[in-house]
Amino acid sequence: MLLLGIFILAQGIAFTIHANLGTDAITSPALIAHLYLGNTSCGLNYEFCSLGNMLICIHATLVLSQIIILRSKFRPIQLLQLLMALMLGQMLDICMCYTSQLPIPNYACRLGYTLLGCMIGAFGIFTYIKADLIPPSADGLCLAISRTFKLRFSRVKIILDCTMIAIAVLASIIIFGRIIGVREGSLICAINIGYFTGLLLRSCPIWDKLFSTLGIQTESEKNGEKPK
């Protein structure tokens, strides 16, 4: 389920990037780095600097930030976030290979791809969460900040997303002299991915039903609640 969730999430990110209207907050700095270091038309064309590899670097930075904040409280098992990031980055590069072949005849199609990417990405996050193994590195950092400085998780999440967008915008202006990679699609992703994920968590018992069929107890069943 974890691998499935990561693949679905990578596919959702690939659709938003192909739409070229902006992508989610965490991927935005990786996109700017890729356009500068790995793009053939406006960058330095380093083959290693694919979008997936740049995303891996961003997630690795988030894990390193957790280590700095938590210090001795950082649990070694959280290093598995690096493995998850590695798989997400490689799967994203695979998804980009065939998603980039899809036609984009007009602006409405771009909006459609962005919304489709949001819905697919939300289902990937939903599946990732249901696997219940290890949190994504961004959420892990938010939890670390929230617990260390006694702040609300939701507030920290908003601050982190805004910070990542700000980094992407600033880097874009410094490198290219204009804003690229962050557009109205970034706002669409910020609003809709969280909304769709919450909607699935509240009203989609698909994995709970599958677990029940396989005889695996979900967390709600362990707590004495009946699956819907």
Protein backbone atom coordinates (compact mmCIF):
# COMPACT_ATOMS: atom_id res chain seq x y z
CA MET A 1 0.00 0.00 0.00
CA LEU A 2 2.86 2.36 0.79
CA LEU A 3 4.46 1.77 -2.61
CA LEU A 4 1.08 2.16 -4.32
CA GLY A 5 0.46 5.44 -2.49
CA ILE A 6 3.89 6.79 -3.47
CA PHE A 7 3.36 5.86 -7.13
CA ILE A 8 -0.11 7.45 -7.24
CA LEU A 9 1.24 10.60 -5.58
CA ALA A 10 4.08 10.76 -8.13
CA GLN A 11 1.55 10.49 -10.95
CA GLY A 12 -0.50 13.33 -9.49
CA ILE A 13 2.59 15.55 -9.23
CA ALA A 14 3.51 14.70 -12.83
CA PHE A 15 0.09 15.86 -14.08
CA THR A 16 0.34 19.21 -12.27
CA ILE A 17 3.83 19.83 -13.64
CA HIS A 18 2.78 18.88 -17.17
CA ALA A 19 -0.06 21.43 -16.92
CA ASN A 20 2.62 24.11 -16.37
CA LEU A 21 0.43 26.20 -14.06
CA GLY A 22 2.39 25.50 -10.88
CA THR A 23 2.61 22.49 -8.61
CA ASP A 24 2.40 21.71 -4.89
CA ALA A 25 4.46 23.65 -2.34
CA ILE A 26 7.09 20.98 -1.60
CA THR A 27 7.74 20.24 -5.28
CA SER A 28 7.98 23.93 -6.31
CA PRO A 29 11.62 24.49 -5.17
CA ALA A 30 12.59 21.17 -6.77
CA LEU A 31 11.02 22.32 -10.05
CA ILE A 32 13.01 25.58 -10.03
CA ALA A 33 16.22 23.67 -9.28
CA HIS A 34 15.49 21.25 -12.13
CA LEU A 35 14.72 24.06 -14.61
CA TYR A 36 18.04 25.73 -13.78
CA LEU A 37 20.34 22.72 -13.42
CA GLY A 38 18.75 20.01 -15.54
CA ASN A 39 16.67 21.66 -18.25
CA THR A 40 18.04 21.61 -21.82
CA SER A 41 16.39 24.83 -23.02
CA CYS A 42 16.90 27.30 -20.15
CA GLY A 43 19.28 25.51 -17.75
CA LEU A 44 22.74 24.03 -17.37
CA ASN A 45 21.64 20.60 -18.63
CA TYR A 46 23.20 18.42 -15.94
CA GLU A 47 21.77 14.97 -16.60
CA PHE A 48 21.70 14.02 -12.92
CA CYS A 49 19.51 17.01 -12.00
CA SER A 50 16.20 15.48 -13.04
CA LEU A 51 13.04 16.67 -11.35
CA GLY A 52 12.85 13.48 -9.30
CA ASN A 53 16.42 13.81 -8.04
CA MET A 54 15.85 17.46 -7.12
CA LEU A 55 12.73 16.42 -5.20
CA ILE A 56 14.80 13.81 -3.34
CA CYS A 57 17.22 16.59 -2.32
CA ILE A 58 14.34 18.71 -1.00
CA HIS A 59 12.99 15.81 1.08
CA ALA A 60 16.49 15.01 2.35
CA THR A 61 16.79 18.63 3.50
CA LEU A 62 13.49 18.29 5.37
CA VAL A 63 14.73 15.14 7.12
CA LEU A 64 18.01 16.88 8.03
CA SER A 65 15.97 19.74 9.50
CA GLN A 66 14.13 17.21 11.68
CA ILE A 67 17.44 15.87 12.97
CA ILE A 68 18.65 19.40 13.81
CA ILE A 69 15.42 20.29 15.64
CA LEU A 70 14.86 17.02 17.51
CA ARG A 71 18.53 16.09 18.14
CA SER A 72 18.57 13.17 20.58
CA LYS A 73 14.78 12.79 20.29
CA PHE A 74 15.05 11.95 16.60
CA ARG A 75 14.22 8.27 16.15
CA PRO A 76 16.46 6.36 13.69
CA ILE A 77 13.39 4.73 12.14
CA GLN A 78 12.45 8.16 10.79
CA LEU A 79 15.42 7.85 8.42
CA LEU A 80 13.13 5.61 6.38
CA GLN A 81 11.68 8.90 5.15
CA LEU A 82 14.79 9.10 2.97
CA LEU A 83 13.95 5.76 1.39
CA MET A 84 10.39 6.95 0.76
CA ALA A 85 11.76 10.15 -0.82
CA LEU A 86 14.11 8.12 -3.02
CA MET A 87 11.23 6.01 -4.31
CA LEU A 88 9.00 9.07 -4.85
CA GLY A 89 11.71 10.84 -6.84
CA GLN A 90 12.42 7.86 -9.07
CA MET A 91 8.72 7.18 -9.64
CA LEU A 92 8.17 10.85 -10.49
CA ASP A 93 10.83 10.69 -13.21
CA ILE A 94 9.15 7.58 -14.62
CA CYS A 95 5.71 9.22 -14.58
CA MET A 96 7.09 12.39 -16.21
CA CYS A 97 8.37 10.34 -19.16
CA TYR A 98 4.91 9.37 -20.39
CA THR A 99 2.83 12.20 -18.90
CA SER A 100 4.87 14.72 -20.92
CA GLN A 101 3.53 13.14 -24.13
CA LEU A 102 -0.08 14.14 -23.38
CA PRO A 103 -1.44 16.98 -25.57
CA ILE A 104 -2.29 20.41 -24.12
CA PRO A 105 -4.45 22.17 -26.73
CA ASN A 106 -5.63 25.09 -24.56
CA TYR A 107 -5.73 26.72 -21.12
CA ALA A 108 -8.85 24.80 -20.09
CA CYS A 109 -6.93 21.58 -20.65
CA ARG A 110 -4.13 22.89 -18.40
CA LEU A 111 -6.67 23.56 -15.63
CA GLY A 112 -8.11 20.09 -16.16
CA TYR A 113 -4.70 18.45 -15.82
CA THR A 114 -4.01 20.49 -12.67
CA LEU A 115 -7.29 19.44 -11.03
CA LEU A 116 -6.78 15.84 -12.14
CA GLY A 117 -3.30 15.93 -10.63
CA CYS A 118 -4.76 17.26 -7.37
CA MET A 119 -7.31 14.44 -7.18
CA ILE A 120 -4.77 11.73 -8.08
CA GLY A 121 -2.22 13.15 -5.65
CA ALA A 122 -4.84 13.31 -2.89
CA PHE A 123 -5.67 9.64 -3.42
CA GLY A 124 -1.97 8.83 -3.26
CA ILE A 125 -1.62 10.69 0.05
CA PHE A 126 -4.78 8.97 1.32
CA THR A 127 -3.29 5.57 0.46
CA TYR A 128 0.07 6.58 1.97
CA ILE A 129 -1.65 7.57 5.22
CA LYS A 130 -3.69 4.35 5.35
CA ALA A 131 -0.47 2.33 5.07
CA ASP A 132 0.38 3.84 8.51
CA LEU A 133 4.13 3.12 8.40
CA ILE A 134 6.11 6.36 8.24
CA PRO A 135 5.02 9.99 7.75
CA PRO A 136 6.13 12.00 4.70
CA SER A 137 9.20 14.14 5.42
CA ALA A 138 7.21 17.40 5.24
CA ASP A 139 4.71 16.15 7.81
CA GLY A 140 7.57 14.76 9.89
CA LEU A 141 9.18 18.21 9.98
CA CYS A 142 5.85 19.84 10.87
CA LEU A 143 5.41 17.37 13.74
CA ALA A 144 8.96 18.03 14.95
CA ILE A 145 8.42 21.81 14.96
CA SER A 146 4.96 21.48 16.48
CA ARG A 147 6.11 19.29 19.39
CA THR A 148 9.36 21.17 20.04
CA PHE A 149 7.94 24.69 20.02
CA LYS A 150 4.39 23.82 21.21
CA LEU A 151 2.68 25.08 18.07
CA ARG A 152 -0.42 23.84 16.30
CA PHE A 153 0.36 21.32 13.55
CA SER A 154 -2.03 22.98 11.09
CA ARG A 155 -0.37 26.37 11.62
CA VAL A 156 3.11 24.90 11.16
CA LYS A 157 1.95 23.14 7.98
CA ILE A 158 0.70 26.41 6.50
CA ILE A 159 3.94 28.20 7.43
CA LEU A 160 6.06 25.42 5.87
CA ASP A 161 4.05 25.46 2.62
CA CYS A 162 4.25 29.25 2.38
CA THR A 163 8.00 29.10 3.07
CA MET A 164 8.57 26.56 0.29
CA ILE A 165 6.56 28.68 -2.17
CA ALA A 166 8.49 31.79 -1.11
CA ILE A 167 11.80 29.96 -1.65
CA ALA A 168 10.67 28.87 -5.12
CA VAL A 169 9.57 32.41 -6.06
CA LEU A 170 12.75 34.02 -4.73
CA ALA A 171 14.99 31.46 -6.44
CA SER A 172 13.08 31.93 -9.70
CA ILE A 173 13.52 35.72 -9.62
CA ILE A 174 17.22 35.48 -8.76
CA ILE A 175 18.02 32.82 -11.37
CA PHE A 176 15.68 33.68 -14.26
CA GLY A 177 14.78 37.30 -13.52
CA ARG A 178 11.07 36.43 -13.46
CA ILE A 179 8.65 34.11 -11.69
CA ILE A 180 8.32 30.70 -13.33
CA GLY A 181 7.04 27.41 -11.92
CA VAL A 182 4.73 29.16 -9.43
CA ARG A 183 1.39 30.25 -10.84
CA GLU A 184 -2.32 29.95 -10.19
CA GLY A 185 -1.96 26.18 -10.26
CA SER A 186 0.13 26.39 -7.08
CA LEU A 187 -2.86 27.94 -5.30
CA ILE A 188 -5.20 25.34 -6.81
CA CYS A 189 -2.94 22.57 -5.49
CA ALA A 190 -2.64 24.19 -2.06
CA ILE A 191 -6.42 24.34 -1.68
CA ASN A 192 -7.60 21.18 -3.39
CA ILE A 193 -5.04 18.50 -2.45
CA GLY A 194 -5.76 18.97 1.25
CA TYR A 195 -9.50 19.20 0.61
CA PHE A 196 -9.65 16.04 -1.51
CA THR A 197 -7.46 14.14 0.97
CA GLY A 198 -9.70 15.11 3.87
CA LEU A 199 -12.77 14.14 1.86
CA LEU A 200 -11.32 10.69 1.16
CA LEU A 201 -10.32 10.16 4.81
CA ARG A 202 -13.83 11.08 5.97
CA SER A 203 -15.96 9.27 3.43
CA CYS A 204 -13.97 6.62 1.53
CA PRO A 205 -13.66 3.30 3.43
CA ILE A 206 -12.11 1.47 0.45
CA TRP A 207 -8.93 0.34 2.22
CA ASP A 208 -10.74 -0.42 5.50
CA LYS A 209 -13.09 -2.73 3.59
CA LEU A 210 -10.14 -4.39 1.86
CA PHE A 211 -8.38 -4.92 5.19
CA SER A 212 -11.56 -6.40 6.66
CA THR A 213 -11.78 -8.79 3.71
CA LEU A 214 -8.15 -9.84 4.27
CA GLY A 215 -8.71 -10.19 8.03
CA ILE A 216 -6.42 -7.27 8.95
CA GLN A 217 -7.52 -5.03 11.78
CA THR A 218 -7.60 -1.30 11.13
CA GLU A 219 -6.93 1.25 13.84
CA SER A 220 -10.63 2.01 14.21
CA GLU A 221 -11.44 -1.68 14.71
CA LYS A 222 -8.68 -1.98 17.31
CA ASN A 223 -10.37 0.86 19.18
CA GLY A 224 -13.70 -0.95 19.14
CA GLU A 225 -15.27 0.97 16.26
CA LYS A 226 -17.06 -0.75 13.39
CA PRO A 227 -15.95 0.00 9.83
CA LYS A 228 -18.47 1.87 7.68
